[in-house]
Every structure is written in structure tokens, then in C-alpha cells.
């Protein structure tokens, strides 16, 4: 077995905050050697992993059918609310808009290439400024993907 030294290190292993390890210890998280001020606690990795897995399995097994139904209903209500607030978009509406945004941005960028080749100034600073403006315009078009199909109509 390998030992993990210190709450910070065991927290890193589990991807949680050190405070979580303190909370877990109150719930029975195994400590191989309890430290004291200036001396870190030590943890047996296998014991800690076993405790964590058992804890997670109990969570899943302890959910009654009524609990599951309540959770599923609550999730559905949350999703409906998010959709009404415009925070959730149905996939069948999202895909065409994203495709339109990428096509429009690509066309704008490709159209800019011959123009830039003709118009780029000799001065390096002015050239950088011009290219920066073109790149920002390209990125704005991508970022504003929700209006991509409107932009296509404006361009025609």
C-alpha cells in the first residue's frame, strides 16, 4: 500500500478542496496516522479509495424510486426554466445556427484574403493594425453565432 502524506496531497488525489477532506474525515474517511500541528496526517491510498467508492455506491443505492422520480421531475423543470430564459437551446435549433455562423465566418475570412493582399500597407505597424481588425471582425462573427442566419440575409 502507498501512503499519501498531508490533507492537501490527498485532496489533490481526489480532485477536491482540502476542506472537503476535513468534512470527509468527520464522515469516516480513513486516516492511517493522525498528525498534529506541524506534522501532517497520513492516509493509505487503497483504504481511502475503498471508502470513497463505498460512499458513492451507497449514494446511488440509497435513492428510492420516489427520490429518483422527484429528481427527474426537478431536472425537467430546471431545463424548462432554462429554455424559457434562453439559456437552453434545443439541439435541432442550435446546429443550423452554428453551421451558418461557421460558414459565414469562413466566407468572410476567405473574401478578405484577396482584398488584404491588394490593400496591405507597406508599413509594418499599419499592416498589423489592419490584420488585427480583420481577425477581430472574424471572431466577432463567430461569437455572434445566434445572428448568423440574419447576417447571411444582410450580406445578400
N, C-alpha and C. Protein backbone atom coordinates (compact mmCIF):
# COMPACT_ATOMS: atom_id res chain seq x y z
N UNK A 1 0.86 -1.19 0.00
CA UNK A 1 0.00 0.00 0.00
C UNK A 1 0.89 1.24 0.00
N UNK A 2 0.36 2.29 -0.61
CA UNK A 2 1.15 3.52 -0.61
C UNK A 2 0.47 4.56 0.28
N UNK A 3 1.30 5.33 0.91
CA UNK A 3 0.80 6.35 1.82
C UNK A 3 0.79 7.71 1.13
N UNK A 4 -0.24 8.47 1.44
CA UNK A 4 -0.34 9.85 0.98
C UNK A 4 -0.15 10.71 2.21
N UNK A 5 0.76 11.65 2.12
CA UNK A 5 1.08 12.49 3.28
C UNK A 5 0.45 13.86 3.11
N UNK A 6 -0.39 14.24 4.07
CA UNK A 6 -0.98 15.57 4.12
C UNK A 6 -2.35 15.67 3.48
N UNK A 7 -3.20 16.51 4.10
CA UNK A 7 -4.55 16.72 3.58
C UNK A 7 -4.53 17.35 2.19
N UNK A 8 -3.60 18.26 1.96
CA UNK A 8 -3.53 18.91 0.65
C UNK A 8 -3.26 17.89 -0.44
N UNK A 9 -2.35 16.97 -0.18
CA UNK A 9 -1.98 15.96 -1.19
C UNK A 9 -3.14 14.99 -1.44
N UNK A 10 -3.81 14.52 -0.39
CA UNK A 10 -4.93 13.60 -0.57
C UNK A 10 -6.08 14.34 -1.27
N UNK A 11 -6.23 15.62 -1.00
CA UNK A 11 -7.25 16.42 -1.69
C UNK A 11 -6.94 16.49 -3.18
N UNK A 12 -5.67 16.67 -3.54
CA UNK A 12 -5.26 16.68 -4.95
C UNK A 12 -5.60 15.35 -5.62
N UNK A 13 -5.32 14.25 -4.92
CA UNK A 13 -5.57 12.92 -5.48
C UNK A 13 -7.05 12.76 -5.83
N UNK A 14 -7.93 13.25 -4.97
CA UNK A 14 -9.36 13.10 -5.18
C UNK A 14 -9.97 14.27 -5.95
N UNK A 15 -9.17 15.29 -6.24
CA UNK A 15 -9.67 16.43 -7.01
C UNK A 15 -10.66 17.28 -6.25
N UNK A 16 -10.43 17.42 -4.95
CA UNK A 16 -11.33 18.21 -4.11
C UNK A 16 -10.51 19.21 -3.30
N UNK A 17 -11.19 20.09 -2.60
CA UNK A 17 -10.53 21.06 -1.74
C UNK A 17 -10.11 20.38 -0.43
N UNK A 18 -9.03 20.86 0.20
CA UNK A 18 -8.63 20.29 1.50
C UNK A 18 -9.75 20.31 2.54
N UNK A 19 -10.63 21.31 2.46
CA UNK A 19 -11.76 21.40 3.39
C UNK A 19 -12.67 20.18 3.23
N UNK A 20 -12.79 19.69 2.01
CA UNK A 20 -13.61 18.51 1.76
C UNK A 20 -13.05 17.30 2.50
N UNK A 21 -11.73 17.19 2.54
CA UNK A 21 -11.10 16.07 3.25
C UNK A 21 -11.44 16.16 4.74
N UNK A 22 -11.44 17.36 5.29
CA UNK A 22 -11.82 17.54 6.70
C UNK A 22 -13.26 17.06 6.90
N UNK A 23 -14.16 17.47 5.99
CA UNK A 23 -15.56 17.04 6.09
C UNK A 23 -15.67 15.52 5.97
N UNK A 24 -14.93 14.96 5.03
CA UNK A 24 -14.97 13.51 4.84
C UNK A 24 -14.46 12.77 6.07
N UNK A 25 -13.44 13.32 6.71
CA UNK A 25 -12.90 12.68 7.92
C UNK A 25 -13.98 12.59 8.99
N UNK A 26 -14.83 13.61 9.07
CA UNK A 26 -15.93 13.58 10.03
C UNK A 26 -16.96 12.50 9.66
N UNK A 27 -16.97 12.11 8.36
CA UNK A 27 -17.90 11.08 7.89
C UNK A 27 -17.26 9.68 7.88
N UNK A 28 -15.99 9.60 8.31
CA UNK A 28 -15.35 8.30 8.41
C UNK A 28 -14.21 8.05 7.44
N UNK A 29 -13.77 9.06 6.72
CA UNK A 29 -12.64 8.91 5.80
C UNK A 29 -11.44 8.39 6.60
N UNK A 30 -10.82 7.31 6.15
CA UNK A 30 -9.77 6.66 6.95
C UNK A 30 -8.46 7.46 7.01
N UNK A 31 -7.93 7.55 8.21
CA UNK A 31 -6.65 8.21 8.46
C UNK A 31 -5.70 7.14 9.02
N UNK A 32 -4.59 6.90 8.34
CA UNK A 32 -3.63 5.89 8.80
C UNK A 32 -2.85 6.42 10.00
N UNK A 33 -2.47 7.69 9.95
CA UNK A 33 -1.74 8.31 11.05
C UNK A 33 -2.26 9.73 11.19
N UNK A 34 -2.84 10.04 12.37
CA UNK A 34 -3.38 11.38 12.60
C UNK A 34 -2.23 12.29 13.03
N UNK A 35 -2.02 13.32 12.24
CA UNK A 35 -0.95 14.27 12.53
C UNK A 35 -1.32 15.21 13.65
N UNK A 36 -0.44 16.14 13.87
CA UNK A 36 -0.65 17.17 14.88
C UNK A 36 -0.09 18.47 14.30
N UNK A 37 -0.19 19.59 15.03
CA UNK A 37 0.33 20.84 14.46
C UNK A 37 1.78 20.67 13.99
N UNK A 38 2.00 20.95 12.71
CA UNK A 38 3.33 20.83 12.13
C UNK A 38 3.67 19.44 11.61
N UNK A 39 2.84 18.46 11.93
CA UNK A 39 3.07 17.09 11.46
C UNK A 39 1.82 16.66 10.67
N UNK A 40 1.97 16.44 9.35
CA UNK A 40 0.79 16.12 8.55
C UNK A 40 0.25 14.72 8.82
N UNK A 41 -1.05 14.57 8.63
CA UNK A 41 -1.68 13.25 8.72
C UNK A 41 -1.24 12.43 7.52
N UNK A 42 -1.37 11.10 7.65
CA UNK A 42 -1.03 10.20 6.55
C UNK A 42 -2.24 9.32 6.26
N UNK A 43 -2.37 8.97 4.98
CA UNK A 43 -3.52 8.23 4.50
C UNK A 43 -3.05 7.06 3.64
N UNK A 44 -3.65 5.88 3.84
CA UNK A 44 -3.38 4.73 2.98
C UNK A 44 -4.25 4.89 1.74
N UNK A 45 -3.64 4.98 0.58
CA UNK A 45 -4.39 5.26 -0.64
C UNK A 45 -5.49 4.22 -0.89
N UNK A 46 -5.18 2.94 -0.74
CA UNK A 46 -6.18 1.89 -1.02
C UNK A 46 -7.38 2.03 -0.09
N UNK A 47 -7.14 2.30 1.20
CA UNK A 47 -8.24 2.46 2.16
C UNK A 47 -9.11 3.66 1.80
N UNK A 48 -8.45 4.74 1.40
CA UNK A 48 -9.18 5.97 1.06
C UNK A 48 -10.03 5.76 -0.19
N UNK A 49 -9.47 5.10 -1.17
CA UNK A 49 -10.22 4.83 -2.41
C UNK A 49 -11.40 3.91 -2.12
N UNK A 50 -11.16 2.89 -1.33
CA UNK A 50 -12.24 1.96 -0.97
C UNK A 50 -13.37 2.71 -0.26
N UNK A 51 -13.02 3.58 0.70
CA UNK A 51 -14.02 4.37 1.43
C UNK A 51 -14.82 5.23 0.46
N UNK A 52 -14.13 5.89 -0.45
CA UNK A 52 -14.78 6.79 -1.40
C UNK A 52 -15.74 6.02 -2.31
N UNK A 53 -15.30 4.89 -2.84
CA UNK A 53 -16.14 4.09 -3.73
C UNK A 53 -17.38 3.60 -2.98
N UNK A 54 -17.20 3.09 -1.77
CA UNK A 54 -18.33 2.62 -0.99
C UNK A 54 -19.32 3.74 -0.72
N UNK A 55 -18.80 4.92 -0.42
CA UNK A 55 -19.65 6.09 -0.16
C UNK A 55 -20.48 6.44 -1.39
N UNK A 56 -19.85 6.46 -2.57
CA UNK A 56 -20.55 6.80 -3.80
C UNK A 56 -21.58 5.72 -4.16
N UNK A 57 -21.25 4.46 -3.95
CA UNK A 57 -22.18 3.37 -4.24
C UNK A 57 -23.40 3.49 -3.33
N UNK A 58 -23.19 3.80 -2.05
CA UNK A 58 -24.31 3.96 -1.12
C UNK A 58 -25.24 5.08 -1.57
N UNK A 59 -24.66 6.17 -2.07
CA UNK A 59 -25.48 7.29 -2.56
C UNK A 59 -26.43 6.82 -3.65
N UNK A 60 -25.92 6.05 -4.59
CA UNK A 60 -26.72 5.59 -5.71
C UNK A 60 -27.76 4.57 -5.24
N UNK A 61 -27.32 3.66 -4.38
CA UNK A 61 -28.23 2.61 -3.93
C UNK A 61 -29.29 3.14 -2.99
N UNK A 62 -29.02 4.23 -2.32
CA UNK A 62 -29.97 4.72 -1.32
C UNK A 62 -31.09 5.55 -1.94
N UNK A 63 -31.01 5.82 -3.24
CA UNK A 63 -32.05 6.61 -3.88
C UNK A 63 -33.28 5.74 -4.12
N UNK A 64 -34.38 6.11 -3.50
CA UNK A 64 -35.61 5.35 -3.67
C UNK A 64 -36.25 5.72 -5.01
N UNK A 65 -37.18 4.92 -5.47
CA UNK A 65 -37.88 5.27 -6.72
C UNK A 65 -38.55 6.64 -6.64
N UNK A 66 -39.11 6.97 -5.47
CA UNK A 66 -39.74 8.28 -5.31
C UNK A 66 -38.69 9.40 -5.36
N UNK A 67 -37.52 9.14 -4.75
CA UNK A 67 -36.44 10.13 -4.81
C UNK A 67 -36.01 10.36 -6.25
N UNK A 68 -35.86 9.27 -6.98
CA UNK A 68 -35.45 9.36 -8.39
C UNK A 68 -36.49 10.12 -9.21
N UNK A 69 -37.75 9.81 -9.00
CA UNK A 69 -38.82 10.50 -9.72
C UNK A 69 -38.81 11.99 -9.41
N UNK A 70 -38.66 12.31 -8.14
CA UNK A 70 -38.61 13.73 -7.75
C UNK A 70 -37.41 14.43 -8.39
N UNK A 71 -36.26 13.74 -8.43
CA UNK A 71 -35.06 14.33 -9.04
C UNK A 71 -35.26 14.53 -10.53
N UNK A 72 -35.85 13.55 -11.21
CA UNK A 72 -36.07 13.66 -12.65
C UNK A 72 -37.05 14.79 -12.94
N UNK A 73 -38.12 14.90 -12.15
CA UNK A 73 -39.08 15.99 -12.34
C UNK A 73 -38.42 17.35 -12.12
N UNK A 74 -37.60 17.44 -11.07
CA UNK A 74 -36.90 18.70 -10.79
C UNK A 74 -35.95 19.06 -11.93
N UNK A 75 -35.25 18.06 -12.47
CA UNK A 75 -34.36 18.31 -13.62
C UNK A 75 -35.16 18.83 -14.82
N UNK A 76 -36.32 18.22 -15.07
CA UNK A 76 -37.15 18.65 -16.20
C UNK A 76 -37.63 20.09 -16.01
N UNK A 77 -38.03 20.43 -14.80
CA UNK A 77 -38.47 21.80 -14.52
C UNK A 77 -37.32 22.78 -14.72
N UNK A 78 -36.13 22.40 -14.23
CA UNK A 78 -34.94 23.25 -14.42
C UNK A 78 -34.65 23.48 -15.89
N UNK A 79 -34.74 22.41 -16.67
CA UNK A 79 -34.47 22.54 -18.11
C UNK A 79 -35.52 23.42 -18.79
N UNK A 80 -36.79 23.26 -18.42
CA UNK A 80 -37.85 24.10 -18.99
C UNK A 80 -37.60 25.57 -18.65
N UNK A 81 -37.26 25.83 -17.40
CA UNK A 81 -36.98 27.21 -16.99
C UNK A 81 -35.79 27.79 -17.74
N UNK A 82 -34.74 26.99 -17.89
CA UNK A 82 -33.55 27.45 -18.62
C UNK A 82 -33.89 27.73 -20.08
N UNK A 83 -34.74 26.90 -20.67
CA UNK A 83 -35.14 27.11 -22.07
C UNK A 83 -35.95 28.40 -22.20
N UNK A 84 -36.88 28.63 -21.26
CA UNK A 84 -37.68 29.86 -21.29
C UNK A 84 -36.82 31.11 -21.15
N UNK A 85 -35.76 31.01 -20.34
CA UNK A 85 -34.86 32.16 -20.16
C UNK A 85 -33.86 32.30 -21.30
N UNK A 86 -33.89 31.39 -22.26
CA UNK A 86 -32.97 31.44 -23.38
C UNK A 86 -31.60 30.90 -23.05
N UNK A 87 -31.47 30.19 -21.96
CA UNK A 87 -30.18 29.62 -21.55
C UNK A 87 -29.99 28.20 -22.07
N UNK A 88 -31.06 27.63 -22.60
CA UNK A 88 -31.00 26.26 -23.13
C UNK A 88 -31.68 26.27 -24.49
N UNK A 89 -30.97 25.77 -25.47
CA UNK A 89 -31.47 25.79 -26.84
C UNK A 89 -31.58 24.35 -27.33
N UNK A 90 -32.72 23.99 -27.91
CA UNK A 90 -32.84 22.63 -28.45
C UNK A 90 -31.79 22.39 -29.53
N UNK A 91 -31.23 21.20 -29.54
CA UNK A 91 -30.14 20.88 -30.47
C UNK A 91 -30.56 21.07 -31.92
N UNK A 92 -31.81 20.75 -32.27
CA UNK A 92 -32.24 20.90 -33.66
C UNK A 92 -32.28 22.35 -34.10
N UNK A 93 -32.34 23.29 -33.15
CA UNK A 93 -32.27 24.71 -33.49
C UNK A 93 -30.83 25.22 -33.47
N UNK A 94 -30.03 24.62 -32.63
CA UNK A 94 -28.65 25.08 -32.45
C UNK A 94 -27.76 24.72 -33.63
N UNK A 95 -27.85 23.50 -34.11
CA UNK A 95 -26.94 23.03 -35.15
C UNK A 95 -26.99 23.89 -36.42
N UNK A 96 -28.16 24.21 -36.96
CA UNK A 96 -28.17 25.04 -38.18
C UNK A 96 -27.58 26.43 -37.94
N UNK A 97 -27.83 27.00 -36.76
CA UNK A 97 -27.28 28.33 -36.47
C UNK A 97 -25.76 28.28 -36.38
N UNK A 98 -25.23 27.26 -35.72
CA UNK A 98 -23.77 27.15 -35.62
C UNK A 98 -23.15 26.92 -36.99
N UNK A 99 -23.79 26.08 -37.78
CA UNK A 99 -23.28 25.82 -39.13
C UNK A 99 -23.29 27.12 -39.94
N UNK A 100 -24.37 27.85 -39.87
CA UNK A 100 -24.45 29.13 -40.59
C UNK A 100 -23.38 30.10 -40.12
N UNK A 101 -23.12 30.12 -38.81
CA UNK A 101 -22.10 31.02 -38.27
C UNK A 101 -20.72 30.66 -38.80
N UNK A 102 -20.40 29.38 -38.81
CA UNK A 102 -19.09 28.97 -39.30
C UNK A 102 -18.94 29.20 -40.80
N UNK A 103 -19.99 28.92 -41.55
CA UNK A 103 -19.93 29.16 -42.99
C UNK A 103 -19.78 30.64 -43.28
N UNK A 104 -20.56 31.48 -42.59
CA UNK A 104 -20.49 32.92 -42.81
C UNK A 104 -19.11 33.46 -42.42
N UNK A 105 -18.58 33.01 -41.30
CA UNK A 105 -17.26 33.48 -40.86
C UNK A 105 -16.18 33.02 -41.83
N UNK A 106 -16.29 31.79 -42.28
CA UNK A 106 -15.31 31.25 -43.24
C UNK A 106 -15.35 32.05 -44.54
N UNK A 107 -16.54 32.32 -45.05
CA UNK A 107 -16.68 33.08 -46.29
C UNK A 107 -16.12 34.50 -46.13
N UNK A 108 -16.42 35.11 -45.00
CA UNK A 108 -15.91 36.47 -44.75
C UNK A 108 -14.38 36.45 -44.73
N UNK A 109 -13.81 35.45 -44.08
CA UNK A 109 -12.35 35.37 -44.00
C UNK A 109 -11.74 35.12 -45.38
N UNK A 110 -12.33 34.18 -46.12
CA UNK A 110 -11.82 33.87 -47.46
C UNK A 110 -11.96 35.06 -48.41
N UNK A 111 -13.05 35.81 -48.28
CA UNK A 111 -13.24 37.00 -49.11
C UNK A 111 -12.22 38.08 -48.76
N UNK A 112 -11.77 38.09 -47.52
CA UNK A 112 -10.83 39.12 -47.08
C UNK A 112 -9.42 38.89 -47.64
N UNK A 113 -9.08 37.65 -47.94
CA UNK A 113 -7.71 37.34 -48.35
C UNK A 113 -7.28 38.12 -49.60
N UNK A 114 -8.02 38.07 -50.72
CA UNK A 114 -7.57 38.82 -51.90
C UNK A 114 -7.56 40.33 -51.66
N UNK A 115 -8.55 40.82 -50.93
CA UNK A 115 -8.60 42.25 -50.62
C UNK A 115 -7.38 42.65 -49.80
N UNK A 116 -7.07 41.85 -48.78
CA UNK A 116 -5.91 42.17 -47.94
C UNK A 116 -4.62 42.12 -48.75
N UNK A 117 -4.52 41.17 -49.65
CA UNK A 117 -3.31 41.06 -50.48
C UNK A 117 -3.10 42.33 -51.28
N UNK A 118 -4.19 42.96 -51.74
CA UNK A 118 -4.09 44.20 -52.52
C UNK A 118 -3.87 45.42 -51.63
N UNK A 119 -4.53 45.44 -50.46
CA UNK A 119 -4.60 46.66 -49.66
C UNK A 119 -3.59 46.74 -48.52
N UNK A 120 -2.88 45.68 -48.21
CA UNK A 120 -1.96 45.73 -47.07
C UNK A 120 -0.91 46.82 -47.27
N UNK A 121 -0.79 47.70 -46.32
CA UNK A 121 0.20 48.77 -46.45
C UNK A 121 1.63 48.25 -46.27
N UNK A 122 2.58 49.02 -46.73
CA UNK A 122 3.99 48.64 -46.58
C UNK A 122 4.43 48.74 -45.12
N UNK A 123 3.91 49.73 -44.42
CA UNK A 123 4.29 49.97 -43.03
C UNK A 123 3.84 48.80 -42.14
N UNK A 124 4.80 48.23 -41.43
CA UNK A 124 4.52 47.05 -40.60
C UNK A 124 3.45 47.32 -39.55
N UNK A 125 3.52 48.46 -38.88
CA UNK A 125 2.55 48.79 -37.84
C UNK A 125 1.15 48.92 -38.42
N UNK A 126 1.03 49.57 -39.57
CA UNK A 126 -0.28 49.72 -40.22
C UNK A 126 -0.79 48.36 -40.69
N UNK A 127 0.10 47.50 -41.15
CA UNK A 127 -0.26 46.16 -41.60
C UNK A 127 -0.82 45.35 -40.42
N UNK A 128 -0.12 45.43 -39.28
CA UNK A 128 -0.57 44.71 -38.09
C UNK A 128 -1.94 45.20 -37.65
N UNK A 129 -2.14 46.52 -37.71
CA UNK A 129 -3.43 47.10 -37.31
C UNK A 129 -4.54 46.61 -38.22
N UNK A 130 -4.27 46.59 -39.53
CA UNK A 130 -5.28 46.14 -40.49
C UNK A 130 -5.61 44.66 -40.27
N UNK A 131 -4.59 43.82 -40.11
CA UNK A 131 -4.81 42.39 -39.90
C UNK A 131 -5.54 42.14 -38.58
N UNK A 132 -5.19 42.90 -37.55
CA UNK A 132 -5.86 42.77 -36.25
C UNK A 132 -7.35 43.08 -36.39
N UNK A 133 -7.67 44.13 -37.14
CA UNK A 133 -9.08 44.49 -37.37
C UNK A 133 -9.83 43.39 -38.09
N UNK A 134 -9.21 42.80 -39.11
CA UNK A 134 -9.84 41.71 -39.85
C UNK A 134 -10.08 40.49 -38.96
N UNK A 135 -9.07 40.15 -38.15
CA UNK A 135 -9.20 39.00 -37.27
C UNK A 135 -10.29 39.24 -36.23
N UNK A 136 -10.34 40.44 -35.68
CA UNK A 136 -11.38 40.75 -34.69
C UNK A 136 -12.77 40.67 -35.31
N UNK A 137 -12.90 41.15 -36.53
CA UNK A 137 -14.18 41.07 -37.23
C UNK A 137 -14.60 39.62 -37.44
N UNK A 138 -13.64 38.78 -37.81
CA UNK A 138 -13.88 37.35 -37.99
C UNK A 138 -14.35 36.73 -36.68
N UNK A 139 -13.66 37.05 -35.59
CA UNK A 139 -14.01 36.46 -34.29
C UNK A 139 -15.36 36.96 -33.79
N UNK A 140 -15.68 38.22 -34.06
CA UNK A 140 -16.98 38.77 -33.67
C UNK A 140 -18.09 38.01 -34.40
N UNK A 141 -17.87 37.73 -35.68
CA UNK A 141 -18.88 36.99 -36.46
C UNK A 141 -19.09 35.60 -35.85
N UNK A 142 -18.01 34.94 -35.46
CA UNK A 142 -18.15 33.62 -34.82
C UNK A 142 -18.84 33.73 -33.47
N UNK A 143 -18.47 34.73 -32.69
CA UNK A 143 -19.04 34.87 -31.35
C UNK A 143 -20.53 35.20 -31.41
N UNK A 144 -20.95 35.87 -32.46
CA UNK A 144 -22.35 36.27 -32.58
C UNK A 144 -23.11 35.24 -33.42
N UNK A 145 -22.86 33.97 -33.15
CA UNK A 145 -23.42 32.88 -33.94
C UNK A 145 -24.94 32.86 -33.95
N UNK A 146 -25.57 33.43 -32.92
CA UNK A 146 -27.03 33.39 -32.85
C UNK A 146 -27.67 34.21 -33.97
N UNK A 147 -26.93 35.18 -34.51
CA UNK A 147 -27.46 36.04 -35.57
C UNK A 147 -26.89 35.68 -36.93
N UNK A 148 -26.25 34.52 -37.04
CA UNK A 148 -25.55 34.16 -38.27
C UNK A 148 -26.49 34.11 -39.46
N UNK A 149 -27.69 33.55 -39.30
CA UNK A 149 -28.59 33.46 -40.44
C UNK A 149 -29.13 34.85 -40.84
N UNK A 150 -29.23 35.77 -39.88
CA UNK A 150 -29.63 37.15 -40.20
C UNK A 150 -28.51 37.84 -40.99
N UNK A 151 -27.24 37.60 -40.57
CA UNK A 151 -26.10 38.21 -41.25
C UNK A 151 -26.03 37.75 -42.70
N UNK A 152 -26.36 36.48 -42.94
CA UNK A 152 -26.32 35.97 -44.32
C UNK A 152 -27.31 36.72 -45.18
N UNK A 153 -28.50 36.99 -44.63
CA UNK A 153 -29.51 37.73 -45.39
C UNK A 153 -29.04 39.15 -45.64
N UNK A 154 -28.34 39.79 -44.67
CA UNK A 154 -27.84 41.15 -44.83
C UNK A 154 -26.77 41.20 -45.91
N UNK A 155 -25.94 40.15 -46.01
CA UNK A 155 -24.84 40.13 -46.96
C UNK A 155 -25.32 39.99 -48.40
N UNK A 156 -26.53 39.43 -48.59
CA UNK A 156 -27.04 39.18 -49.95
C UNK A 156 -27.56 40.42 -50.59
